Amino acid sequence: MKIRAALIALTLAWGTLLCAPLVVSAHVGLVAATPVAGSTIGQAPKAVKIRFDQVPDPQFNRIELLDTSGKTVAGGAAQRDAVDPTIVTTTLPPLPAGVYTVAWQALASDGHLTKGNYSFTFAATGPPAP
């Protein structure tokens, strides 16, 4: 009788585990960025650097810098960092003071494309860029 109860409990436990949904994160997520989202910096940044929570496909990484009118002022295909492949970078030309939007896209290894954006302000009176 005890063996039968144990087998039933084991069967129910396995059934629960097999029917439970699997949680898999397939999308690339932004972990950190420089310039920092929402920041005000005092010196024009020389580059935009983004760290993701996984290694994105290097052929589909993009970072664009947009001005307040939505015009692309810099960017394009982003370069993978030589030391840390979760970091992608694009260099920037000299920028006038203003509010800028960083628009990015990254492709996960399983084919999910993720896009995002954030803004920062470059003001000559703010703190230096990180």
N, C-alpha and C. Protein backbone atom coordinates (compact mmCIF):
# COMPACT_ATOMS: atom_id res chain seq x y z
N MET A 1 0.82 -1.19 0.00
CA MET A 1 0.00 0.00 0.00
C MET A 1 0.86 1.26 0.00
N LYS A 2 1.95 1.24 0.82
CA LYS A 2 2.83 2.40 0.87
C LYS A 2 3.56 2.60 -0.45
N ILE A 3 3.91 1.51 -1.11
CA ILE A 3 4.59 1.61 -2.41
C ILE A 3 3.66 2.22 -3.44
N ARG A 4 2.38 1.79 -3.42
CA ARG A 4 1.41 2.34 -4.37
C ARG A 4 1.23 3.84 -4.16
N ALA A 5 1.13 4.29 -2.93
CA ALA A 5 0.99 5.72 -2.63
C ALA A 5 2.22 6.50 -3.08
N ALA A 6 3.39 5.91 -2.88
CA ALA A 6 4.63 6.57 -3.30
C ALA A 6 4.68 6.67 -4.82
N LEU A 7 4.27 5.63 -5.54
CA LEU A 7 4.26 5.67 -7.01
C LEU A 7 3.27 6.71 -7.53
N ILE A 8 2.12 6.80 -6.90
CA ILE A 8 1.14 7.82 -7.31
C ILE A 8 1.69 9.21 -7.08
N ALA A 9 2.31 9.43 -5.93
CA ALA A 9 2.89 10.75 -5.63
C ALA A 9 3.99 11.09 -6.62
N LEU A 10 4.84 10.12 -6.94
CA LEU A 10 5.93 10.33 -7.89
C LEU A 10 5.39 10.64 -9.28
N THR A 11 4.37 9.91 -9.69
CA THR A 11 3.74 10.14 -11.00
C THR A 11 3.13 11.54 -11.07
N LEU A 12 2.46 11.95 -10.02
CA LEU A 12 1.87 13.30 -9.99
C LEU A 12 2.96 14.37 -10.02
N ALA A 13 4.05 14.15 -9.31
CA ALA A 13 5.14 15.13 -9.31
C ALA A 13 5.75 15.26 -10.70
N TRP A 14 6.02 14.14 -11.35
CA TRP A 14 6.57 14.18 -12.70
C TRP A 14 5.59 14.84 -13.67
N GLY A 15 4.34 14.54 -13.54
CA GLY A 15 3.34 15.14 -14.41
C GLY A 15 3.28 16.65 -14.25
N THR A 16 3.39 17.11 -13.02
CA THR A 16 3.40 18.55 -12.76
C THR A 16 4.62 19.21 -13.40
N LEU A 17 5.77 18.58 -13.24
CA LEU A 17 6.99 19.14 -13.83
C LEU A 17 6.93 19.17 -15.35
N LEU A 18 6.41 18.12 -15.96
CA LEU A 18 6.34 18.06 -17.42
C LEU A 18 5.33 19.05 -17.99
N CYS A 19 4.29 19.36 -17.24
CA CYS A 19 3.25 20.27 -17.72
C CYS A 19 3.54 21.73 -17.39
N ALA A 20 4.52 21.99 -16.54
CA ALA A 20 4.84 23.36 -16.15
C ALA A 20 5.44 24.10 -17.35
N PRO A 21 5.06 25.35 -17.56
CA PRO A 21 5.62 26.11 -18.68
C PRO A 21 7.11 26.40 -18.43
N LEU A 22 7.87 26.33 -19.50
CA LEU A 22 9.28 26.66 -19.41
C LEU A 22 9.45 28.15 -19.65
N VAL A 23 10.25 28.80 -18.84
CA VAL A 23 10.52 30.21 -19.00
C VAL A 23 11.88 30.36 -19.66
N VAL A 24 11.90 30.91 -20.85
CA VAL A 24 13.14 31.10 -21.58
C VAL A 24 13.19 32.55 -22.05
N SER A 25 14.27 33.22 -21.74
CA SER A 25 14.44 34.60 -22.19
C SER A 25 15.13 34.60 -23.54
N ALA A 26 14.37 34.90 -24.58
CA ALA A 26 14.91 34.86 -25.93
C ALA A 26 15.30 36.24 -26.44
N HIS A 27 14.86 37.26 -25.77
CA HIS A 27 15.11 38.60 -26.24
C HIS A 27 16.36 39.19 -25.56
N VAL A 28 17.11 39.94 -26.35
CA VAL A 28 18.27 40.63 -25.82
C VAL A 28 17.76 41.84 -25.03
N GLY A 29 18.29 42.04 -23.84
CA GLY A 29 17.87 43.17 -23.02
C GLY A 29 19.04 44.09 -22.69
N LEU A 30 18.78 45.38 -22.69
CA LEU A 30 19.79 46.36 -22.33
C LEU A 30 20.04 46.30 -20.83
N VAL A 31 21.31 46.18 -20.44
CA VAL A 31 21.70 46.13 -19.03
C VAL A 31 22.25 47.48 -18.58
N ALA A 32 23.10 48.09 -19.41
CA ALA A 32 23.71 49.38 -19.07
C ALA A 32 24.09 50.10 -20.36
N ALA A 33 24.20 51.41 -20.27
CA ALA A 33 24.56 52.20 -21.44
C ALA A 33 25.36 53.42 -21.02
N THR A 34 26.22 53.86 -21.92
CA THR A 34 26.97 55.10 -21.75
C THR A 34 26.84 55.88 -23.05
N PRO A 35 26.35 57.12 -23.00
CA PRO A 35 25.85 57.86 -21.87
C PRO A 35 24.65 57.15 -21.24
N VAL A 36 24.47 57.40 -19.96
CA VAL A 36 23.40 56.77 -19.19
C VAL A 36 22.05 57.35 -19.61
N ALA A 37 21.05 56.48 -19.68
CA ALA A 37 19.70 56.91 -20.04
C ALA A 37 19.21 57.97 -19.06
N GLY A 38 18.67 59.07 -19.60
CA GLY A 38 18.10 60.14 -18.79
C GLY A 38 19.12 61.07 -18.18
N SER A 39 20.40 60.87 -18.47
CA SER A 39 21.44 61.70 -17.85
C SER A 39 21.63 63.02 -18.57
N THR A 40 22.25 63.96 -17.87
CA THR A 40 22.73 65.22 -18.46
C THR A 40 24.24 65.21 -18.29
N ILE A 41 24.95 65.34 -19.39
CA ILE A 41 26.41 65.30 -19.37
C ILE A 41 26.98 66.63 -19.82
N GLY A 42 28.18 66.94 -19.38
CA GLY A 42 28.79 68.23 -19.65
C GLY A 42 29.76 68.24 -20.81
N GLN A 43 30.19 67.06 -21.27
CA GLN A 43 31.07 66.96 -22.42
C GLN A 43 30.44 66.04 -23.44
N ALA A 44 30.63 66.36 -24.71
CA ALA A 44 30.05 65.52 -25.75
C ALA A 44 30.65 64.12 -25.68
N PRO A 45 29.82 63.09 -25.74
CA PRO A 45 30.36 61.73 -25.72
C PRO A 45 31.09 61.42 -27.01
N LYS A 46 32.10 60.62 -26.92
CA LYS A 46 32.86 60.21 -28.12
C LYS A 46 32.27 58.94 -28.72
N ALA A 47 31.46 58.23 -27.92
CA ALA A 47 30.86 56.98 -28.38
C ALA A 47 29.62 56.67 -27.57
N VAL A 48 28.80 55.80 -28.10
CA VAL A 48 27.69 55.21 -27.35
C VAL A 48 28.07 53.75 -27.15
N LYS A 49 27.98 53.30 -25.90
CA LYS A 49 28.35 51.93 -25.55
C LYS A 49 27.16 51.31 -24.83
N ILE A 50 26.73 50.14 -25.29
CA ILE A 50 25.59 49.45 -24.70
C ILE A 50 25.99 48.03 -24.31
N ARG A 51 25.65 47.66 -23.08
CA ARG A 51 25.87 46.28 -22.60
C ARG A 51 24.51 45.58 -22.57
N PHE A 52 24.48 44.37 -23.14
CA PHE A 52 23.26 43.56 -23.16
C PHE A 52 23.38 42.40 -22.18
N ASP A 53 22.25 41.76 -21.90
CA ASP A 53 22.24 40.64 -20.97
C ASP A 53 22.65 39.31 -21.60
N GLN A 54 22.92 39.33 -22.89
CA GLN A 54 23.44 38.16 -23.59
C GLN A 54 24.21 38.64 -24.81
N VAL A 55 24.92 37.76 -25.45
CA VAL A 55 25.71 38.13 -26.62
C VAL A 55 24.79 38.24 -27.83
N PRO A 56 24.65 39.46 -28.39
CA PRO A 56 23.81 39.61 -29.58
C PRO A 56 24.57 39.19 -30.84
N ASP A 57 23.83 38.88 -31.89
CA ASP A 57 24.42 38.52 -33.17
C ASP A 57 25.12 39.76 -33.73
N PRO A 58 26.42 39.70 -33.99
CA PRO A 58 27.16 40.90 -34.40
C PRO A 58 26.75 41.46 -35.76
N GLN A 59 26.09 40.68 -36.60
CA GLN A 59 25.70 41.16 -37.92
C GLN A 59 24.48 42.07 -37.90
N PHE A 60 23.74 42.08 -36.78
CA PHE A 60 22.49 42.83 -36.76
C PHE A 60 22.43 43.87 -35.64
N ASN A 61 23.56 44.21 -35.05
CA ASN A 61 23.60 45.25 -34.01
C ASN A 61 23.60 46.62 -34.68
N ARG A 62 22.73 47.49 -34.19
CA ARG A 62 22.70 48.87 -34.70
C ARG A 62 22.53 49.82 -33.53
N ILE A 63 23.23 50.93 -33.62
CA ILE A 63 23.04 52.04 -32.69
C ILE A 63 23.00 53.30 -33.54
N GLU A 64 21.93 54.07 -33.40
CA GLU A 64 21.82 55.35 -34.10
C GLU A 64 21.56 56.44 -33.08
N LEU A 65 22.12 57.60 -33.33
CA LEU A 65 21.90 58.77 -32.49
C LEU A 65 21.03 59.75 -33.27
N LEU A 66 19.90 60.13 -32.67
CA LEU A 66 18.94 61.02 -33.31
C LEU A 66 18.87 62.34 -32.57
N ASP A 67 18.70 63.43 -33.33
CA ASP A 67 18.51 64.73 -32.69
C ASP A 67 17.04 64.94 -32.35
N THR A 68 16.67 66.12 -31.85
CA THR A 68 15.29 66.36 -31.42
C THR A 68 14.29 66.33 -32.56
N SER A 69 14.75 66.52 -33.79
CA SER A 69 13.83 66.46 -34.94
C SER A 69 13.68 65.03 -35.46
N GLY A 70 14.43 64.08 -34.87
CA GLY A 70 14.36 62.69 -35.32
C GLY A 70 15.35 62.36 -36.41
N LYS A 71 16.19 63.32 -36.76
CA LYS A 71 17.20 63.09 -37.81
C LYS A 71 18.37 62.31 -37.23
N THR A 72 18.82 61.30 -37.98
CA THR A 72 19.99 60.53 -37.57
C THR A 72 21.23 61.39 -37.75
N VAL A 73 21.96 61.59 -36.65
CA VAL A 73 23.18 62.40 -36.72
C VAL A 73 24.44 61.55 -36.64
N ALA A 74 24.31 60.29 -36.24
CA ALA A 74 25.48 59.41 -36.18
C ALA A 74 25.00 57.98 -35.99
N GLY A 75 25.93 57.08 -36.20
CA GLY A 75 25.66 55.68 -35.90
C GLY A 75 25.46 54.83 -37.12
N GLY A 76 24.94 53.66 -36.87
CA GLY A 76 24.74 52.65 -37.90
C GLY A 76 25.08 51.30 -37.30
N ALA A 77 25.77 50.47 -38.06
CA ALA A 77 26.17 49.16 -37.55
C ALA A 77 27.09 49.35 -36.35
N ALA A 78 26.78 48.67 -35.27
CA ALA A 78 27.57 48.79 -34.05
C ALA A 78 28.67 47.73 -34.04
N GLN A 79 29.76 48.07 -33.39
CA GLN A 79 30.91 47.17 -33.30
C GLN A 79 30.89 46.41 -31.98
N ARG A 80 31.17 45.14 -32.03
CA ARG A 80 31.26 44.32 -30.82
C ARG A 80 32.57 44.63 -30.10
N ASP A 81 32.50 44.73 -28.78
CA ASP A 81 33.69 44.97 -27.97
C ASP A 81 34.63 43.77 -28.08
N ALA A 82 35.93 44.03 -28.20
CA ALA A 82 36.92 42.96 -28.37
C ALA A 82 37.06 42.10 -27.12
N VAL A 83 36.81 42.67 -25.94
CA VAL A 83 36.99 41.94 -24.69
C VAL A 83 35.68 41.32 -24.19
N ASP A 84 34.59 42.07 -24.26
CA ASP A 84 33.30 41.61 -23.75
C ASP A 84 32.28 41.62 -24.89
N PRO A 85 31.90 40.46 -25.42
CA PRO A 85 30.99 40.41 -26.57
C PRO A 85 29.56 40.83 -26.26
N THR A 86 29.23 41.08 -24.99
CA THR A 86 27.88 41.58 -24.67
C THR A 86 27.81 43.09 -24.84
N ILE A 87 28.94 43.74 -25.13
CA ILE A 87 28.99 45.20 -25.30
C ILE A 87 29.14 45.53 -26.78
N VAL A 88 28.32 46.47 -27.25
CA VAL A 88 28.44 47.00 -28.61
C VAL A 88 28.62 48.51 -28.52
N THR A 89 29.35 49.05 -29.50
CA THR A 89 29.73 50.47 -29.47
C THR A 89 29.61 51.07 -30.86
N THR A 90 29.30 52.36 -30.89
CA THR A 90 29.42 53.13 -32.12
C THR A 90 30.07 54.46 -31.76
N THR A 91 31.00 54.91 -32.59
CA THR A 91 31.67 56.18 -32.33
C THR A 91 30.81 57.33 -32.83
N LEU A 92 31.02 58.49 -32.23
CA LEU A 92 30.23 59.67 -32.56
C LEU A 92 31.13 60.79 -33.04
N PRO A 93 30.60 61.65 -33.92
CA PRO A 93 31.34 62.85 -34.31
C PRO A 93 31.17 63.90 -33.22
N PRO A 94 31.88 65.01 -33.30
CA PRO A 94 31.62 66.10 -32.34
C PRO A 94 30.15 66.53 -32.44
N LEU A 95 29.53 66.72 -31.27
CA LEU A 95 28.11 67.04 -31.22
C LEU A 95 27.88 68.40 -30.59
N PRO A 96 26.90 69.16 -31.10
CA PRO A 96 26.50 70.38 -30.42
C PRO A 96 25.65 70.02 -29.20
N ALA A 97 25.53 70.94 -28.27
CA ALA A 97 24.68 70.72 -27.09
C ALA A 97 23.25 70.45 -27.55
N GLY A 98 22.55 69.59 -26.82
CA GLY A 98 21.17 69.27 -27.17
C GLY A 98 20.71 67.99 -26.52
N VAL A 99 19.47 67.65 -26.83
CA VAL A 99 18.88 66.40 -26.35
C VAL A 99 19.00 65.39 -27.49
N TYR A 100 19.47 64.19 -27.15
CA TYR A 100 19.68 63.15 -28.14
C TYR A 100 18.97 61.87 -27.73
N THR A 101 18.53 61.12 -28.74
CA THR A 101 17.93 59.81 -28.51
C THR A 101 18.84 58.75 -29.11
N VAL A 102 19.13 57.75 -28.32
CA VAL A 102 19.88 56.59 -28.78
C VAL A 102 18.86 55.53 -29.15
N ALA A 103 18.85 55.12 -30.41
CA ALA A 103 17.97 54.05 -30.88
C ALA A 103 18.85 52.85 -31.19
N TRP A 104 18.51 51.69 -30.61
CA TRP A 104 19.35 50.51 -30.80
C TRP A 104 18.51 49.31 -31.20
N GLN A 105 19.19 48.34 -31.82
CA GLN A 105 18.57 47.06 -32.09
C GLN A 105 19.63 45.98 -31.93
N ALA A 106 19.20 44.82 -31.47
CA ALA A 106 20.10 43.69 -31.28
C ALA A 106 19.33 42.41 -31.57
N LEU A 107 20.02 41.45 -32.14
CA LEU A 107 19.41 40.18 -32.49
C LEU A 107 19.93 39.09 -31.56
N ALA A 108 19.01 38.38 -30.91
CA ALA A 108 19.39 37.27 -30.03
C ALA A 108 19.83 36.09 -30.88
N SER A 109 20.55 35.17 -30.28
CA SER A 109 21.07 34.02 -31.00
C SER A 109 19.96 33.13 -31.56
N ASP A 110 18.75 33.22 -30.98
CA ASP A 110 17.65 32.41 -31.49
C ASP A 110 16.80 33.14 -32.53
N GLY A 111 17.22 34.34 -32.93
CA GLY A 111 16.54 35.05 -34.01
C GLY A 111 15.55 36.12 -33.58
N HIS A 112 15.35 36.35 -32.29
CA HIS A 112 14.45 37.40 -31.83
C HIS A 112 15.14 38.76 -31.90
N LEU A 113 14.57 39.68 -32.68
CA LEU A 113 15.11 41.04 -32.82
C LEU A 113 14.47 41.92 -31.76
N THR A 114 15.30 42.63 -31.00
CA THR A 114 14.82 43.54 -29.98
C THR A 114 15.28 44.94 -30.33
N LYS A 115 14.37 45.91 -30.16
CA LYS A 115 14.70 47.31 -30.40
C LYS A 115 14.37 48.12 -29.16
N GLY A 116 15.08 49.21 -28.96
CA GLY A 116 14.80 50.08 -27.85
C GLY A 116 15.41 51.45 -28.07
N ASN A 117 15.11 52.37 -27.17
CA ASN A 117 15.70 53.70 -27.27
C ASN A 117 15.69 54.36 -25.90
N TYR A 118 16.53 55.35 -25.77
CA TYR A 118 16.58 56.17 -24.56
C TYR A 118 17.18 57.51 -24.94
N SER A 119 17.02 58.49 -24.07
CA SER A 119 17.53 59.84 -24.34
C SER A 119 18.52 60.27 -23.28
N PHE A 120 19.37 61.21 -23.67
CA PHE A 120 20.28 61.89 -22.76
C PHE A 120 20.43 63.32 -23.25
N THR A 121 20.91 64.19 -22.38
CA THR A 121 21.11 65.60 -22.72
C THR A 121 22.59 65.94 -22.61
N PHE A 122 23.09 66.59 -23.64
CA PHE A 122 24.44 67.12 -23.61
C PHE A 122 24.31 68.62 -23.40
N ALA A 123 24.74 69.08 -22.21
CA ALA A 123 24.70 70.50 -21.86
C ALA A 123 26.10 70.90 -21.40
N ALA A 124 26.63 71.97 -21.94
CA ALA A 124 28.00 72.38 -21.65
C ALA A 124 28.22 72.65 -20.16
N THR A 125 27.17 72.85 -19.38
CA THR A 125 27.33 73.14 -17.97
C THR A 125 27.19 71.93 -17.06
N GLY A 126 26.88 70.77 -17.64
CA GLY A 126 26.68 69.56 -16.81
C GLY A 126 27.98 68.87 -16.50
N PRO A 127 27.91 67.75 -15.80
CA PRO A 127 29.11 66.98 -15.46
C PRO A 127 29.72 66.33 -16.69
N PRO A 128 30.99 65.95 -16.63
CA PRO A 128 31.62 65.33 -17.81
C PRO A 128 30.99 63.99 -18.14
N ALA A 129 31.09 63.62 -19.41
CA ALA A 129 30.56 62.33 -19.85
C ALA A 129 31.34 61.20 -19.22
N PRO A 130 30.65 60.12 -18.86
CA PRO A 130 31.36 58.97 -18.25
C PRO A 130 32.21 58.24 -19.27
